[in-house]
Amino acid sequence: QVQLVESGGGLVQPGGSLRLSCAASGSIFSINAMGWYRQALGKERELVATITSGSSTKYADSVKGRFTISRDNAKNTVYLQMSSLKPEDTAVYYCNALLFTSAPSRRWLESWGQGTQVTVSS
């Protein structure tokens, strides 16, 4: 009943920039929070950044000062602006949302996107 679709991934050189987008659609009444996670080869999925409905943000130490998370509540979309990219940022990036579904379900739901590949290499 709810889908999250990421876009904007690709190949960039070290020091470059990339902007990821994630749009939520379906039976959504409201979204409490959205975030970005990433998973590199051979590693566990880790939190990158989160943003609440009130626009409070949190970042992993590894991306502070380089990444910026934002959202457009009207579009149910979250963005991740990535700058000064490093090879260590290479991973599949997943968006996540904590939301409340519309009637008749009317329940809290944590939803995940399918991921978008980000590769930082020269």
C-alpha atoms as a PDB file:
ATOM      1  CA  GLN A   1       0.000   0.000   0.000  1.00  0.00           C
ATOM      2  CA  VAL A   2       3.041   2.285   0.330  1.00  0.00           C
ATOM      3  CA  GLN A   3       6.059   2.585  -1.925  1.00  0.00           C
ATOM      4  CA  LEU A   4       9.328   4.487  -1.622  1.00  0.00           C
ATOM      5  CA  VAL A   5      11.303   5.047  -4.815  1.00  0.00           C
ATOM      6  CA  GLU A   6      14.870   6.364  -4.795  1.00  0.00           C
ATOM      7  CA  SER A   7      16.574   8.129  -7.673  1.00  0.00           C
ATOM      8  CA  GLY A   8      19.702  10.125  -8.407  1.00  0.00           C
ATOM      9  CA  GLY A   9      22.415   7.562  -7.834  1.00  0.00           C
ATOM     10  CA  GLY A  10      25.333   7.105 -10.170  1.00  0.00           C
ATOM     11  CA  LEU A  11      29.080   7.318 -10.663  1.00  0.00           C
ATOM     12  CA  VAL A  12      30.951  10.410  -9.486  1.00  0.00           C
ATOM     13  CA  GLN A  13      34.591  11.332  -8.959  1.00  0.00           C
ATOM     14  CA  PRO A  14      36.031  11.967  -5.504  1.00  0.00           C
ATOM     15  CA  GLY A  15      35.197  15.497  -4.421  1.00  0.00           C
ATOM     16  CA  GLY A  16      32.107  15.556  -6.586  1.00  0.00           C
ATOM     17  CA  SER A  17      28.475  16.019  -5.656  1.00  0.00           C
ATOM     18  CA  LEU A  18      25.279  14.066  -6.071  1.00  0.00           C
ATOM     19  CA  ARG A  19      21.666  14.596  -5.043  1.00  0.00           C
ATOM     20  CA  LEU A  20      19.432  11.680  -4.136  1.00  0.00           C
ATOM     21  CA  SER A  21      15.650  11.821  -4.052  1.00  0.00           C
ATOM     22  CA  CYS A  22      13.087   9.507  -2.518  1.00  0.00           C
ATOM     23  CA  ALA A  23       9.377   9.853  -3.138  1.00  0.00           C
ATOM     24  CA  ALA A  24       6.781   8.093  -1.017  1.00  0.00           C
ATOM     25  CA  SER A  25       3.427   7.223  -2.520  1.00  0.00           C
ATOM     26  CA  GLY A  26       0.338   5.202  -1.715  1.00  0.00           C
ATOM     27  CA  SER A  27      -2.076   5.176   1.192  1.00  0.00           C
ATOM     28  CA  ILE A  28      -0.272   7.760   3.296  1.00  0.00           C
ATOM     29  CA  PHE A  29      -1.957   9.960   5.837  1.00  0.00           C
ATOM     30  CA  SER A  30       1.179  11.505   7.289  1.00  0.00           C
ATOM     31  CA  ILE A  31       4.925  10.926   7.496  1.00  0.00           C
ATOM     32  CA  ASN A  32       6.561  11.358  10.871  1.00  0.00           C
ATOM     33  CA  ALA A  33      10.149  10.959   9.761  1.00  0.00           C
ATOM     34  CA  MET A  34      12.259  10.016   6.776  1.00  0.00           C
ATOM     35  CA  GLY A  35      15.868   9.018   6.478  1.00  0.00           C
ATOM     36  CA  TRP A  36      18.697   7.633   4.429  1.00  0.00           C
ATOM     37  CA  TYR A  37      20.708   4.502   5.098  1.00  0.00           C
ATOM     38  CA  ARG A  38      23.542   2.981   3.127  1.00  0.00           C
ATOM     39  CA  GLN A  39      25.173  -0.405   2.786  1.00  0.00           C
ATOM     40  CA  ALA A  40      28.602  -0.994   1.298  1.00  0.00           C
ATOM     41  CA  LEU A  41      29.816  -4.371   0.063  1.00  0.00           C
ATOM     42  CA  GLY A  42      30.645  -6.626   2.965  1.00  0.00           C
ATOM     43  CA  LYS A  43      29.282  -4.198   5.532  1.00  0.00           C
ATOM     44  CA  GLU A  44      26.066  -3.809   7.478  1.00  0.00           C
ATOM     45  CA  ARG A  45      23.502  -1.178   6.659  1.00  0.00           C
ATOM     46  CA  GLU A  46      24.168   2.050   8.518  1.00  0.00           C
ATOM     47  CA  LEU A  47      22.240   5.221   9.214  1.00  0.00           C
ATOM     48  CA  VAL A  48      23.312   8.240   7.172  1.00  0.00           C
ATOM     49  CA  ALA A  49      20.800  10.946   8.061  1.00  0.00           C
ATOM     50  CA  THR A  50      17.257  11.440   9.321  1.00  0.00           C
ATOM     51  CA  ILE A  51      14.738  14.258   9.262  1.00  0.00           C
ATOM     52  CA  THR A  52      11.488  14.612  11.193  1.00  0.00           C
ATOM     53  CA  SER A  53       8.242  16.232  10.143  1.00  0.00           C
ATOM     54  CA  GLY A  54       9.392  19.267  12.097  1.00  0.00           C
ATOM     55  CA  SER A  55      12.632  19.350  10.070  1.00  0.00           C
ATOM     56  CA  SER A  56      14.929  18.284  12.894  1.00  0.00           C
ATOM     57  CA  THR A  57      17.949  16.545  11.393  1.00  0.00           C
ATOM     58  CA  LYS A  58      20.615  14.107  12.510  1.00  0.00           C
ATOM     59  CA  TYR A  59      23.698  12.886  10.680  1.00  0.00           C
ATOM     60  CA  ALA A  60      26.247  10.144  11.000  1.00  0.00           C
ATOM     61  CA  ASP A  61      29.625  11.499  12.063  1.00  0.00           C
ATOM     62  CA  SER A  62      31.173  10.292   8.823  1.00  0.00           C
ATOM     63  CA  VAL A  63      29.000  12.594   6.699  1.00  0.00           C
ATOM     64  CA  LYS A  64      28.591  15.667   8.897  1.00  0.00           C
ATOM     65  CA  GLY A  65      29.470  18.834   7.034  1.00  0.00           C
ATOM     66  CA  ARG A  66      29.295  17.093   3.674  1.00  0.00           C
ATOM     67  CA  PHE A  67      25.732  15.761   3.382  1.00  0.00           C
ATOM     68  CA  THR A  68      22.466  17.636   3.818  1.00  0.00           C
ATOM     69  CA  ILE A  69      19.073  16.004   4.246  1.00  0.00           C
ATOM     70  CA  SER A  70      15.871  17.873   3.458  1.00  0.00           C
ATOM     71  CA  ARG A  71      12.240  17.125   2.714  1.00  0.00           C
ATOM     72  CA  ASP A  72       9.235  18.453   0.861  1.00  0.00           C
ATOM     73  CA  ASN A  73       6.232  17.494   2.958  1.00  0.00           C
ATOM     74  CA  ALA A  74       3.760  18.416   0.239  1.00  0.00           C
ATOM     75  CA  LYS A  75       5.433  15.953  -2.120  1.00  0.00           C
ATOM     76  CA  ASN A  76       6.232  13.288   0.494  1.00  0.00           C
ATOM     77  CA  THR A  77       9.796  13.438  -0.745  1.00  0.00           C
ATOM     78  CA  VAL A  78      13.140  13.390   1.031  1.00  0.00           C
ATOM     79  CA  TYR A  79      16.438  14.496  -0.483  1.00  0.00           C
ATOM     80  CA  LEU A  80      20.075  13.871   0.299  1.00  0.00           C
ATOM     81  CA  GLN A  81      22.536  16.401  -1.074  1.00  0.00           C
ATOM     82  CA  MET A  82      25.994  14.852  -1.026  1.00  0.00           C
ATOM     83  CA  SER A  83      29.117  16.947  -1.493  1.00  0.00           C
ATOM     84  CA  SER A  84      32.861  16.360  -1.179  1.00  0.00           C
ATOM     85  CA  LEU A  85      32.225  12.713  -1.896  1.00  0.00           C
ATOM     86  CA  LYS A  86      34.813  10.144  -0.909  1.00  0.00           C
ATOM     87  CA  PRO A  87      35.400   6.583  -2.117  1.00  0.00           C
ATOM     88  CA  GLU A  88      34.237   5.453   1.326  1.00  0.00           C
ATOM     89  CA  ASP A  89      30.787   6.824   0.472  1.00  0.00           C
ATOM     90  CA  THR A  90      30.360   4.133  -2.173  1.00  0.00           C
ATOM     91  CA  ALA A  91      27.308   2.084  -1.238  1.00  0.00           C
ATOM     92  CA  VAL A  92      23.709   1.335  -2.021  1.00  0.00           C
ATOM     93  CA  TYR A  93      21.635   4.099  -0.480  1.00  0.00           C
ATOM     94  CA  TYR A  94      18.182   3.294   0.867  1.00  0.00           C
ATOM     95  CA  CYS A  95      15.475   5.676   1.945  1.00  0.00           C
ATOM     96  CA  ASN A  96      13.236   4.962   4.892  1.00  0.00           C
ATOM     97  CA  ALA A  97      10.023   6.432   6.232  1.00  0.00           C
ATOM     98  CA  LEU A  98       7.985   6.134   9.392  1.00  0.00           C
ATOM     99  CA  LEU A  99       4.442   6.941   8.399  1.00  0.00           C
ATOM    100  CA  PHE A 100       0.789   6.581   9.276  1.00  0.00           C
ATOM    101  CA  THR A 101      -1.372   5.003   6.610  1.00  0.00           C
ATOM    102  CA  SER A 102      -4.727   6.270   5.422  1.00  0.00           C
ATOM    103  CA  ALA A 103      -8.081   4.650   6.112  1.00  0.00           C
ATOM    104  CA  PRO A 104      -9.082   1.885   6.381  1.00  0.00           C
ATOM    105  CA  SER A 105      -5.723   0.570   7.667  1.00  0.00           C
ATOM    106  CA  ARG A 106      -4.824   3.556   9.856  1.00  0.00           C
ATOM    107  CA  ARG A 107      -1.607   2.163  11.236  1.00  0.00           C
ATOM    108  CA  TRP A 108       2.026   3.103  11.722  1.00  0.00           C
ATOM    109  CA  LEU A 109       4.318   1.637   9.112  1.00  0.00           C
ATOM    110  CA  GLU A 110       8.048   1.646   8.496  1.00  0.00           C
ATOM    111  CA  SER A 111       8.722   1.487   4.771  1.00  0.00           C
ATOM    112  CA  TRP A 112      11.928   1.015   2.759  1.00  0.00           C
ATOM    113  CA  GLY A 113      12.928   1.807  -0.788  1.00  0.00           C
ATOM    114  CA  GLN A 114      14.764  -0.606  -3.059  1.00  0.00           C
ATOM    115  CA  GLY A 115      17.985   1.388  -3.027  1.00  0.00           C
ATOM    116  CA  THR A 116      20.096   3.349  -5.470  1.00  0.00           C
ATOM    117  CA  GLN A 117      23.788   2.749  -6.156  1.00  0.00           C
ATOM    118  CA  VAL A 118      26.301   5.500  -5.471  1.00  0.00           C
ATOM    119  CA  THR A 119      29.847   4.880  -6.659  1.00  0.00           C
ATOM    120  CA  VAL A 120      32.654   7.322  -5.924  1.00  0.00           C
ATOM    121  CA  SER A 121      35.729   6.520  -7.977  1.00  0.00           C
ATOM    122  CA  SER A 122      38.367   8.211 -10.102  1.00  0.00           C
END
